[in-house]
All heavy atoms as atom14 arrays in JSON, in Angstrom:
{
  "sequence": "IPLITRYWFAGSIAVPLVGKLGLVSPVNLFLWPDAFIHRFQIWRPITA",
  "atom14_mask": [
    [1, 1, 1, 1, 1, 1, 1, 1, 0, 0, 0, 0, 0, 0],
    [1, 1, 1, 1, 1, 1, 1, 0, 0, 0, 0, 0, 0, 0],
    [1, 1, 1, 1, 1, 1, 1, 1, 0, 0, 0, 0, 0, 0],
    [1, 1, 1, 1, 1, 1, 1, 1, 0, 0, 0, 0, 0, 0],
    [1, 1, 1, 1, 1, 1, 1, 0, 0, 0, 0, 0, 0, 0],
    [1, 1, 1, 1, 1, 1, 1, 1, 1, 1, 1, 0, 0, 0],
    [1, 1, 1, 1, 1, 1, 1, 1, 1, 1, 1, 1, 0, 0],
    [1, 1, 1, 1, 1, 1, 1, 1, 1, 1, 1, 1, 1, 1],
    [1, 1, 1, 1, 1, 1, 1, 1, 1, 1, 1, 0, 0, 0],
    [1, 1, 1, 1, 1, 0, 0, 0, 0, 0, 0, 0, 0, 0],
    [1, 1, 1, 1, 0, 0, 0, 0, 0, 0, 0, 0, 0, 0],
    [1, 1, 1, 1, 1, 1, 0, 0, 0, 0, 0, 0, 0, 0],
    [1, 1, 1, 1, 1, 1, 1, 1, 0, 0, 0, 0, 0, 0],
    [1, 1, 1, 1, 1, 0, 0, 0, 0, 0, 0, 0, 0, 0],
    [1, 1, 1, 1, 1, 1, 1, 0, 0, 0, 0, 0, 0, 0],
    [1, 1, 1, 1, 1, 1, 1, 0, 0, 0, 0, 0, 0, 0],
    [1, 1, 1, 1, 1, 1, 1, 1, 0, 0, 0, 0, 0, 0],
    [1, 1, 1, 1, 1, 1, 1, 0, 0, 0, 0, 0, 0, 0],
    [1, 1, 1, 1, 0, 0, 0, 0, 0, 0, 0, 0, 0, 0],
    [1, 1, 1, 1, 1, 1, 1, 1, 1, 0, 0, 0, 0, 0],
    [1, 1, 1, 1, 1, 1, 1, 1, 0, 0, 0, 0, 0, 0],
    [1, 1, 1, 1, 0, 0, 0, 0, 0, 0, 0, 0, 0, 0],
    [1, 1, 1, 1, 1, 1, 1, 1, 0, 0, 0, 0, 0, 0],
    [1, 1, 1, 1, 1, 1, 1, 0, 0, 0, 0, 0, 0, 0],
    [1, 1, 1, 1, 1, 1, 0, 0, 0, 0, 0, 0, 0, 0],
    [1, 1, 1, 1, 1, 1, 1, 0, 0, 0, 0, 0, 0, 0],
    [1, 1, 1, 1, 1, 1, 1, 0, 0, 0, 0, 0, 0, 0],
    [1, 1, 1, 1, 1, 1, 1, 1, 0, 0, 0, 0, 0, 0],
    [1, 1, 1, 1, 1, 1, 1, 1, 0, 0, 0, 0, 0, 0],
    [1, 1, 1, 1, 1, 1, 1, 1, 1, 1, 1, 0, 0, 0],
    [1, 1, 1, 1, 1, 1, 1, 1, 0, 0, 0, 0, 0, 0],
    [1, 1, 1, 1, 1, 1, 1, 1, 1, 1, 1, 1, 1, 1],
    [1, 1, 1, 1, 1, 1, 1, 0, 0, 0, 0, 0, 0, 0],
    [1, 1, 1, 1, 1, 1, 1, 1, 0, 0, 0, 0, 0, 0],
    [1, 1, 1, 1, 1, 0, 0, 0, 0, 0, 0, 0, 0, 0],
    [1, 1, 1, 1, 1, 1, 1, 1, 1, 1, 1, 0, 0, 0],
    [1, 1, 1, 1, 1, 1, 1, 1, 0, 0, 0, 0, 0, 0],
    [1, 1, 1, 1, 1, 1, 1, 1, 1, 1, 0, 0, 0, 0],
    [1, 1, 1, 1, 1, 1, 1, 1, 1, 1, 1, 0, 0, 0],
    [1, 1, 1, 1, 1, 1, 1, 1, 1, 1, 1, 0, 0, 0],
    [1, 1, 1, 1, 1, 1, 1, 1, 1, 0, 0, 0, 0, 0],
    [1, 1, 1, 1, 1, 1, 1, 1, 0, 0, 0, 0, 0, 0],
    [1, 1, 1, 1, 1, 1, 1, 1, 1, 1, 1, 1, 1, 1],
    [1, 1, 1, 1, 1, 1, 1, 1, 1, 1, 1, 0, 0, 0],
    [1, 1, 1, 1, 1, 1, 1, 0, 0, 0, 0, 0, 0, 0],
    [1, 1, 1, 1, 1, 1, 1, 1, 0, 0, 0, 0, 0, 0],
    [1, 1, 1, 1, 1, 1, 1, 0, 0, 0, 0, 0, 0, 0],
    [1, 1, 1, 1, 1, 0, 0, 0, 0, 0, 0, 0, 0, 0]
  ],
  "atom14_positions": [
    [[0.85, -1.19, 0.0], [0.0, 0.0, 0.0], [0.89, 1.24, 0.0], [1.88, 1.29, 0.73], [-0.92, 0.01, 1.23], [-1.8, -1.25, 1.26], [-1.81, 1.25, 1.25], [-2.64, -1.37, 2.52], [0.0, 0.0, 0.0], [0.0, 0.0, 0.0], [0.0, 0.0, 0.0], [0.0, 0.0, 0.0], [0.0, 0.0, 0.0], [0.0, 0.0, 0.0]],
    [[0.59, 2.25, -0.79], [1.39, 3.49, -0.78], [1.54, 4.06, 0.62], [0.64, 3.92, 1.45], [0.61, 4.43, -1.7], [-0.2, 3.54, -2.57], [-0.52, 2.33, -1.76], [0.0, 0.0, 0.0], [0.0, 0.0, 0.0], [0.0, 0.0, 0.0], [0.0, 0.0, 0.0], [0.0, 0.0, 0.0], [0.0, 0.0, 0.0], [0.0, 0.0, 0.0]],
    [[2.65, 4.72, 0.88], [3.06, 5.1, 2.22], [1.99, 5.87, 2.99], [1.6, 5.48, 4.1], [4.35, 5.94, 2.15], [4.91, 6.4, 3.5], [5.35, 5.22, 4.34], [6.07, 7.37, 3.29], [0.0, 0.0, 0.0], [0.0, 0.0, 0.0], [0.0, 0.0, 0.0], [0.0, 0.0, 0.0], [0.0, 0.0, 0.0], [0.0, 0.0, 0.0]],
    [[1.5, 6.98, 2.44], [0.54, 7.81, 3.16], [-0.77, 7.07, 3.36], [-1.35, 7.08, 4.46], [0.32, 9.14, 2.42], [1.64, 9.93, 2.38], [-0.77, 9.97, 3.08], [1.58, 11.19, 1.53], [0.0, 0.0, 0.0], [0.0, 0.0, 0.0], [0.0, 0.0, 0.0], [0.0, 0.0, 0.0], [0.0, 0.0, 0.0], [0.0, 0.0, 0.0]],
    [[-1.24, 6.41, 2.33], [-2.47, 5.62, 2.44], [-2.3, 4.5, 3.46], [-3.24, 4.18, 4.21], [-2.85, 5.03, 1.08], [-3.0, 6.09, 0.13], [-4.14, 4.24, 1.17], [0.0, 0.0, 0.0], [0.0, 0.0, 0.0], [0.0, 0.0, 0.0], [0.0, 0.0, 0.0], [0.0, 0.0, 0.0], [0.0, 0.0, 0.0], [0.0, 0.0, 0.0]],
    [[-1.11, 3.91, 3.51], [-0.86, 2.81, 4.45], [-1.05, 3.26, 5.89], [-1.72, 2.58, 6.68], [0.56, 2.29, 4.26], [0.88, 1.04, 5.08], [2.37, 0.77, 5.06], [2.91, 0.91, 3.72], [4.2, 1.09, 3.46], [5.07, 1.19, 4.46], [4.63, 1.19, 2.21], [0.0, 0.0, 0.0], [0.0, 0.0, 0.0], [0.0, 0.0, 0.0]],
    [[-0.49, 4.42, 6.26], [-0.64, 4.9, 7.62], [-2.07, 5.33, 7.91], [-2.58, 5.12, 9.02], [0.33, 6.05, 7.87], [1.76, 5.6, 8.09], [2.72, 5.73, 7.09], [2.15, 5.03, 9.3], [4.03, 5.31, 7.3], [3.44, 4.6, 9.51], [4.39, 4.74, 8.51], [5.67, 4.31, 8.72], [0.0, 0.0, 0.0], [0.0, 0.0, 0.0]],
    [[-2.7, 5.96, 6.95], [-4.1, 6.36, 7.13], [-4.98, 5.13, 7.3], [-5.83, 5.08, 8.21], [-4.53, 7.19, 5.92], [-5.92, 7.76, 6.0], [-6.73, 7.81, 7.09], [-6.65, 8.37, 4.94], [-7.93, 8.4, 6.77], [-7.9, 8.77, 5.46], [-6.36, 8.63, 3.6], [-8.86, 9.4, 4.68], [-7.32, 9.27, 2.81], [-8.56, 9.64, 3.35]],
    [[-4.79, 4.13, 6.47], [-5.56, 2.89, 6.54], [-5.33, 2.18, 7.87], [-6.29, 1.74, 8.53], [-5.16, 1.98, 5.37], [-5.96, 0.72, 5.25], [-7.22, 0.72, 4.68], [-5.44, -0.49, 5.72], [-7.96, -0.46, 4.56], [-6.16, -1.65, 5.6], [-7.43, -1.65, 5.02], [0.0, 0.0, 0.0], [0.0, 0.0, 0.0], [0.0, 0.0, 0.0]],
    [[-4.07, 2.09, 8.29], [-3.75, 1.41, 9.55], [-4.37, 2.15, 10.74], [-4.92, 1.53, 11.66], [-2.24, 1.31, 9.71], [0.0, 0.0, 0.0], [0.0, 0.0, 0.0], [0.0, 0.0, 0.0], [0.0, 0.0, 0.0], [0.0, 0.0, 0.0], [0.0, 0.0, 0.0], [0.0, 0.0, 0.0], [0.0, 0.0, 0.0], [0.0, 0.0, 0.0]],
    [[-4.29, 3.49, 10.72], [-4.88, 4.27, 11.8], [-6.39, 4.12, 11.87], [-6.98, 4.12, 12.96], [0.0, 0.0, 0.0], [0.0, 0.0, 0.0], [0.0, 0.0, 0.0], [0.0, 0.0, 0.0], [0.0, 0.0, 0.0], [0.0, 0.0, 0.0], [0.0, 0.0, 0.0], [0.0, 0.0, 0.0], [0.0, 0.0, 0.0], [0.0, 0.0, 0.0]],
    [[-7.02, 3.96, 10.71], [-8.47, 3.82, 10.65], [-8.93, 2.45, 11.1], [-10.14, 2.22, 11.28], [-8.97, 4.09, 9.22], [-8.68, 5.43, 8.84], [0.0, 0.0, 0.0], [0.0, 0.0, 0.0], [0.0, 0.0, 0.0], [0.0, 0.0, 0.0], [0.0, 0.0, 0.0], [0.0, 0.0, 0.0], [0.0, 0.0, 0.0], [0.0, 0.0, 0.0]],
    [[-8.0, 1.52, 11.26], [-8.31, 0.22, 11.85], [-7.94, 0.22, 13.33], [-8.71, -0.26, 14.17], [-7.56, -0.91, 11.12], [-8.08, -1.04, 9.68], [-7.72, -2.24, 11.86], [-7.33, -2.07, 8.86], [0.0, 0.0, 0.0], [0.0, 0.0, 0.0], [0.0, 0.0, 0.0], [0.0, 0.0, 0.0], [0.0, 0.0, 0.0], [0.0, 0.0, 0.0]],
    [[-6.76, 0.77, 13.66], [-6.25, 0.71, 15.03], [-7.09, 1.53, 16.0], [-7.44, 1.05, 17.09], [-4.8, 1.2, 15.06], [0.0, 0.0, 0.0], [0.0, 0.0, 0.0], [0.0, 0.0, 0.0], [0.0, 0.0, 0.0], [0.0, 0.0, 0.0], [0.0, 0.0, 0.0], [0.0, 0.0, 0.0], [0.0, 0.0, 0.0], [0.0, 0.0, 0.0]],
    [[-7.45, 2.76, 15.64], [-8.18, 3.62, 16.57], [-9.58, 3.09, 16.86], [-9.97, 3.02, 18.04], [-8.22, 5.07, 16.05], [-9.08, 5.95, 16.96], [-6.8, 5.64, 15.96], [0.0, 0.0, 0.0], [0.0, 0.0, 0.0], [0.0, 0.0, 0.0], [0.0, 0.0, 0.0], [0.0, 0.0, 0.0], [0.0, 0.0, 0.0], [0.0, 0.0, 0.0]],
    [[-10.38, 2.67, 15.85], [-11.67, 2.05, 16.19], [-11.51, 0.78, 17.03], [-12.35, 0.49, 17.9], [-12.28, 1.73, 14.82], [-11.67, 2.73, 13.9], [-10.26, 2.88, 14.39], [0.0, 0.0, 0.0], [0.0, 0.0, 0.0], [0.0, 0.0, 0.0], [0.0, 0.0, 0.0], [0.0, 0.0, 0.0], [0.0, 0.0, 0.0], [0.0, 0.0, 0.0]],
    [[-10.43, 0.02, 16.78], [-10.21, -1.2, 17.57], [-9.91, -0.85, 19.03], [-10.41, -1.52, 19.95], [-9.05, -1.99, 16.97], [-8.72, -3.33, 17.63], [-9.92, -4.28, 17.54], [-7.49, -3.96, 16.99], [0.0, 0.0, 0.0], [0.0, 0.0, 0.0], [0.0, 0.0, 0.0], [0.0, 0.0, 0.0], [0.0, 0.0, 0.0], [0.0, 0.0, 0.0]],
    [[-9.12, 0.19, 19.24], [-8.83, 0.63, 20.61], [-10.12, 1.04, 21.33], [-10.33, 0.7, 22.5], [-7.83, 1.8, 20.58], [-7.77, 2.51, 21.93], [-6.43, 1.31, 20.2], [0.0, 0.0, 0.0], [0.0, 0.0, 0.0], [0.0, 0.0, 0.0], [0.0, 0.0, 0.0], [0.0, 0.0, 0.0], [0.0, 0.0, 0.0], [0.0, 0.0, 0.0]],
    [[-10.99, 1.75, 20.63], [-12.27, 2.13, 21.22], [-13.18, 0.95, 21.46], [-13.86, 0.87, 22.48], [0.0, 0.0, 0.0], [0.0, 0.0, 0.0], [0.0, 0.0, 0.0], [0.0, 0.0, 0.0], [0.0, 0.0, 0.0], [0.0, 0.0, 0.0], [0.0, 0.0, 0.0], [0.0, 0.0, 0.0], [0.0, 0.0, 0.0], [0.0, 0.0, 0.0]],
    [[-13.18, 0.0, 20.52], [-14.04, -1.18, 20.62], [-13.63, -2.06, 21.79], [-14.47, -2.62, 22.5], [-13.97, -1.98, 19.32], [-14.9, -3.18, 19.26], [-16.35, -2.75, 19.2], [-17.27, -3.94, 19.0], [-18.7, -3.55, 18.98], [0.0, 0.0, 0.0], [0.0, 0.0, 0.0], [0.0, 0.0, 0.0], [0.0, 0.0, 0.0], [0.0, 0.0, 0.0]],
    [[-12.32, -2.19, 22.03], [-11.82, -3.02, 23.12], [-11.89, -2.31, 24.47], [-11.6, -2.94, 25.5], [-10.37, -3.42, 22.84], [-10.15, -4.32, 21.62], [-8.66, -4.58, 21.4], [-10.91, -5.64, 21.77], [0.0, 0.0, 0.0], [0.0, 0.0, 0.0], [0.0, 0.0, 0.0], [0.0, 0.0, 0.0], [0.0, 0.0, 0.0], [0.0, 0.0, 0.0]],
    [[-12.24, -1.05, 24.48], [-12.36, -0.31, 25.73], [-11.04, 0.14, 26.31], [-10.99, 0.55, 27.48], [0.0, 0.0, 0.0], [0.0, 0.0, 0.0], [0.0, 0.0, 0.0], [0.0, 0.0, 0.0], [0.0, 0.0, 0.0], [0.0, 0.0, 0.0], [0.0, 0.0, 0.0], [0.0, 0.0, 0.0], [0.0, 0.0, 0.0], [0.0, 0.0, 0.0]],
    [[-9.96, 0.08, 25.53], [-8.67, 0.55, 26.02], [-8.69, 2.06, 26.23], [-8.0, 2.58, 27.1], [-7.57, 0.15, 25.03], [-7.41, -1.36, 24.78], [-6.32, -1.6, 23.74], [-7.11, -2.09, 26.07], [0.0, 0.0, 0.0], [0.0, 0.0, 0.0], [0.0, 0.0, 0.0], [0.0, 0.0, 0.0], [0.0, 0.0, 0.0], [0.0, 0.0, 0.0]],
    [[-9.46, 2.75, 25.41], [-9.72, 4.18, 25.56], [-11.21, 4.38, 25.37], [-11.81, 3.78, 24.47], [-8.94, 5.02, 24.52], [-9.31, 6.49, 24.64], [-7.43, 4.83, 24.71], [0.0, 0.0, 0.0], [0.0, 0.0, 0.0], [0.0, 0.0, 0.0], [0.0, 0.0, 0.0], [0.0, 0.0, 0.0], [0.0, 0.0, 0.0], [0.0, 0.0, 0.0]],
    [[-11.79, 5.18, 26.21], [-13.23, 5.42, 26.09], [-13.54, 6.12, 24.77], [-12.9, 7.13, 24.44], [-13.72, 6.29, 27.26], [-15.08, 6.66, 27.05], [0.0, 0.0, 0.0], [0.0, 0.0, 0.0], [0.0, 0.0, 0.0], [0.0, 0.0, 0.0], [0.0, 0.0, 0.0], [0.0, 0.0, 0.0], [0.0, 0.0, 0.0], [0.0, 0.0, 0.0]],
    [[-14.5, 5.59, 23.99], [-14.86, 6.25, 22.73], [-15.25, 7.71, 22.9], [-15.1, 8.5, 21.97], [-16.03, 5.41, 22.22], [-15.82, 4.06, 22.83], [-15.23, 4.33, 24.19], [0.0, 0.0, 0.0], [0.0, 0.0, 0.0], [0.0, 0.0, 0.0], [0.0, 0.0, 0.0], [0.0, 0.0, 0.0], [0.0, 0.0, 0.0], [0.0, 0.0, 0.0]],
    [[-15.73, 8.06, 24.09], [-16.12, 9.45, 24.34], [-14.93, 10.39, 24.16], [-15.08, 11.54, 23.75], [-16.7, 9.59, 25.77], [-16.98, 11.06, 26.09], [-17.98, 8.78, 25.89], [0.0, 0.0, 0.0], [0.0, 0.0, 0.0], [0.0, 0.0, 0.0], [0.0, 0.0, 0.0], [0.0, 0.0, 0.0], [0.0, 0.0, 0.0], [0.0, 0.0, 0.0]],
    [[-13.72, 9.88, 24.42], [-12.52, 10.7, 24.28], [-11.99, 10.76, 22.86], [-10.99, 11.45, 22.6], [-11.42, 10.16, 25.21], [-11.77, 10.3, 26.67], [-12.33, 11.31, 27.09], [-11.44, 9.29, 27.46], [0.0, 0.0, 0.0], [0.0, 0.0, 0.0], [0.0, 0.0, 0.0], [0.0, 0.0, 0.0], [0.0, 0.0, 0.0], [0.0, 0.0, 0.0]],
    [[-12.63, 10.06, 21.94], [-12.15, 10.0, 20.56], [-12.99, 10.83, 19.6], [-12.56, 11.1, 18.49], [-12.12, 8.54, 20.09], [-11.26, 7.58, 20.92], [-11.4, 6.15, 20.41], [-9.8, 8.01, 20.92], [0.0, 0.0, 0.0], [0.0, 0.0, 0.0], [0.0, 0.0, 0.0], [0.0, 0.0, 0.0], [0.0, 0.0, 0.0], [0.0, 0.0, 0.0]],
    [[-14.18, 11.23, 20.03], [-15.03, 12.08, 19.22], [-14.5, 13.51, 19.21], [-13.73, 13.91, 20.08], [-16.46, 12.09, 19.74], [-17.23, 10.82, 19.47], [-17.15, 9.74, 20.32], [-18.05, 10.74, 18.36], [-17.86, 8.59, 20.07], [-18.79, 9.59, 18.1], [-18.68, 8.5, 18.96], [0.0, 0.0, 0.0], [0.0, 0.0, 0.0], [0.0, 0.0, 0.0]],
    [[-14.96, 14.28, 18.24], [-14.65, 15.71, 18.19], [-15.81, 16.48, 18.8], [-16.77, 16.82, 18.11], [-14.39, 16.17, 16.75], [-14.11, 17.66, 16.56], [-12.94, 18.11, 17.41], [-13.84, 17.96, 15.09], [0.0, 0.0, 0.0], [0.0, 0.0, 0.0], [0.0, 0.0, 0.0], [0.0, 0.0, 0.0], [0.0, 0.0, 0.0], [0.0, 0.0, 0.0]],
    [[-15.72, 16.74, 20.11], [-16.72, 17.54, 20.78], [-16.25, 18.98, 20.79], [-15.17, 19.28, 21.33], [-16.95, 17.06, 22.22], [-17.38, 15.63, 22.34], [-16.71, 14.62, 22.95], [-18.6, 15.07, 21.84], [-17.41, 13.45, 22.86], [-18.59, 13.69, 22.18], [-19.68, 15.57, 21.13], [-19.61, 12.83, 21.84], [-20.71, 14.72, 20.79], [-20.68, 13.37, 21.14]],
    [[-16.99, 19.92, 20.23], [-16.54, 21.32, 20.14], [-16.18, 21.92, 21.48], [-15.15, 22.6, 21.61], [-17.75, 22.03, 19.51], [-18.46, 20.96, 18.74], [-18.28, 19.71, 19.53], [0.0, 0.0, 0.0], [0.0, 0.0, 0.0], [0.0, 0.0, 0.0], [0.0, 0.0, 0.0], [0.0, 0.0, 0.0], [0.0, 0.0, 0.0], [0.0, 0.0, 0.0]],
    [[-16.99, 21.67, 22.5], [-16.73, 22.27, 23.8], [-15.42, 21.75, 24.38], [-14.6, 22.52, 24.91], [-17.88, 21.98, 24.77], [-17.66, 22.61, 26.13], [-17.69, 23.85, 26.23], [-17.44, 21.84, 27.1], [0.0, 0.0, 0.0], [0.0, 0.0, 0.0], [0.0, 0.0, 0.0], [0.0, 0.0, 0.0], [0.0, 0.0, 0.0], [0.0, 0.0, 0.0]],
    [[-15.2, 20.44, 24.29], [-13.97, 19.86, 24.84], [-12.74, 20.32, 24.06], [-11.67, 20.55, 24.63], [-14.06, 18.32, 24.81], [0.0, 0.0, 0.0], [0.0, 0.0, 0.0], [0.0, 0.0, 0.0], [0.0, 0.0, 0.0], [0.0, 0.0, 0.0], [0.0, 0.0, 0.0], [0.0, 0.0, 0.0], [0.0, 0.0, 0.0], [0.0, 0.0, 0.0]],
    [[-12.9, 20.48, 22.76], [-11.77, 20.88, 21.92], [-11.39, 22.34, 22.15], [-10.21, 22.67, 22.3], [-12.13, 20.66, 20.45], [-11.11, 21.19, 19.48], [-9.79, 20.79, 19.53], [-11.49, 22.09, 18.48], [-8.85, 21.29, 18.63], [-10.56, 22.58, 17.57], [-9.24, 22.18, 17.65], [0.0, 0.0, 0.0], [0.0, 0.0, 0.0], [0.0, 0.0, 0.0]],
    [[-12.39, 23.21, 22.23], [-12.13, 24.66, 22.31], [-11.88, 25.11, 23.74], [-10.91, 25.83, 24.02], [-13.3, 25.45, 21.69], [-13.43, 25.12, 20.2], [-13.11, 26.95, 21.9], [-14.63, 25.75, 19.53], [0.0, 0.0, 0.0], [0.0, 0.0, 0.0], [0.0, 0.0, 0.0], [0.0, 0.0, 0.0], [0.0, 0.0, 0.0], [0.0, 0.0, 0.0]],
    [[-12.74, 24.67, 24.67], [-12.68, 25.21, 26.02], [-11.83, 24.37, 26.98], [-11.32, 24.9, 27.97], [-14.1, 25.35, 26.58], [-14.96, 26.27, 25.77], [-14.73, 27.63, 25.68], [-16.06, 26.03, 24.99], [-15.65, 28.18, 24.89], [-16.46, 27.24, 24.46], [0.0, 0.0, 0.0], [0.0, 0.0, 0.0], [0.0, 0.0, 0.0], [0.0, 0.0, 0.0]],
    [[-11.68, 23.09, 26.7], [-10.87, 22.24, 27.58], [-9.51, 21.92, 26.95], [-8.73, 21.16, 27.52], [-11.62, 20.94, 27.89], [-12.97, 21.15, 28.56], [-13.67, 19.84, 28.79], [-15.08, 20.01, 29.09], [-15.96, 19.01, 29.18], [-15.55, 17.76, 28.99], [-17.22, 19.26, 29.43], [0.0, 0.0, 0.0], [0.0, 0.0, 0.0], [0.0, 0.0, 0.0]],
    [[-9.25, 22.46, 25.78], [-7.96, 22.31, 25.1], [-7.58, 20.84, 24.88], [-6.4, 20.48, 24.99], [-6.85, 23.04, 25.88], [-7.12, 24.49, 26.06], [-7.58, 24.96, 27.28], [-6.94, 25.38, 25.01], [-7.85, 26.31, 27.45], [-7.2, 26.73, 25.18], [-7.66, 27.19, 26.4], [0.0, 0.0, 0.0], [0.0, 0.0, 0.0], [0.0, 0.0, 0.0]],
    [[-8.58, 20.01, 24.58], [-8.31, 18.61, 24.25], [-8.0, 18.54, 22.75], [-8.82, 18.14, 21.93], [-9.5, 17.74, 24.64], [-9.74, 17.75, 26.14], [-10.93, 16.92, 26.58], [-11.65, 16.34, 25.75], [-11.16, 16.84, 27.88], [0.0, 0.0, 0.0], [0.0, 0.0, 0.0], [0.0, 0.0, 0.0], [0.0, 0.0, 0.0], [0.0, 0.0, 0.0]],
    [[-6.75, 18.93, 22.43], [-6.38, 19.18, 21.04], [-6.2, 17.9, 20.23], [-6.02, 17.98, 19.02], [-5.09, 20.02, 20.98], [-3.95, 19.3, 21.71], [-5.32, 21.41, 21.58], [-2.62, 20.01, 21.6], [0.0, 0.0, 0.0], [0.0, 0.0, 0.0], [0.0, 0.0, 0.0], [0.0, 0.0, 0.0], [0.0, 0.0, 0.0], [0.0, 0.0, 0.0]],
    [[-6.22, 16.76, 20.87], [-6.08, 15.5, 20.12], [-7.37, 15.11, 19.41], [-7.35, 14.28, 18.51], [-5.69, 14.38, 21.08], [-6.78, 14.0, 22.04], [-7.84, 13.15, 21.81], [-6.95, 14.49, 23.37], [-8.65, 13.08, 22.92], [-8.13, 13.88, 23.9], [-6.22, 15.35, 24.18], [-8.58, 14.12, 25.19], [-6.66, 15.59, 25.47], [-7.83, 14.99, 25.96]],
    [[-8.47, 15.7, 19.76], [-9.77, 15.23, 19.27], [-9.93, 15.33, 17.74], [-10.49, 14.43, 17.13], [-10.91, 15.95, 19.98], [-11.09, 15.5, 21.43], [-12.29, 16.14, 22.09], [-12.48, 15.66, 23.45], [-13.17, 14.58, 23.79], [-13.76, 13.86, 22.84], [-13.29, 14.22, 25.05], [0.0, 0.0, 0.0], [0.0, 0.0, 0.0], [0.0, 0.0, 0.0]],
    [[-9.48, 16.42, 17.07], [-9.6, 16.43, 15.61], [-8.83, 15.29, 14.93], [-9.22, 14.82, 13.86], [-9.02, 17.8, 15.22], [-9.19, 18.64, 16.43], [-8.98, 17.7, 17.58], [0.0, 0.0, 0.0], [0.0, 0.0, 0.0], [0.0, 0.0, 0.0], [0.0, 0.0, 0.0], [0.0, 0.0, 0.0], [0.0, 0.0, 0.0], [0.0, 0.0, 0.0]],
    [[-7.73, 14.84, 15.56], [-6.94, 13.75, 14.99], [-7.62, 12.41, 15.22], [-7.8, 11.62, 14.29], [-5.52, 13.76, 15.58], [-4.82, 15.08, 15.26], [-4.71, 12.58, 15.05], [-3.47, 15.23, 15.91], [0.0, 0.0, 0.0], [0.0, 0.0, 0.0], [0.0, 0.0, 0.0], [0.0, 0.0, 0.0], [0.0, 0.0, 0.0], [0.0, 0.0, 0.0]],
    [[-8.01, 12.14, 16.47], [-8.65, 10.85, 16.75], [-9.99, 10.73, 16.03], [-10.37, 9.65, 15.58], [-8.86, 10.68, 18.27], [-9.63, 11.77, 18.79], [-7.52, 10.62, 18.98], [0.0, 0.0, 0.0], [0.0, 0.0, 0.0], [0.0, 0.0, 0.0], [0.0, 0.0, 0.0], [0.0, 0.0, 0.0], [0.0, 0.0, 0.0], [0.0, 0.0, 0.0]],
    [[-10.72, 11.85, 15.89], [-12.01, 11.81, 15.19], [-11.84, 11.52, 13.71], [-12.79, 11.09, 13.05], [-12.75, 13.13, 15.38], [0.0, 0.0, 0.0], [0.0, 0.0, 0.0], [0.0, 0.0, 0.0], [0.0, 0.0, 0.0], [0.0, 0.0, 0.0], [0.0, 0.0, 0.0], [0.0, 0.0, 0.0], [0.0, 0.0, 0.0], [0.0, 0.0, 0.0]]
  ]
}
């Protein structure tokens, strides 16, 4: 798989799997505007 697509594809499998297994709460993976802007949870646009 081409390099950039490979990492994007792998991330799109790994992150949902992490949420599915409960290793990280799915609530922390969504892009919630209030949490992103007011609580400075800057990872949310990436995980979402």
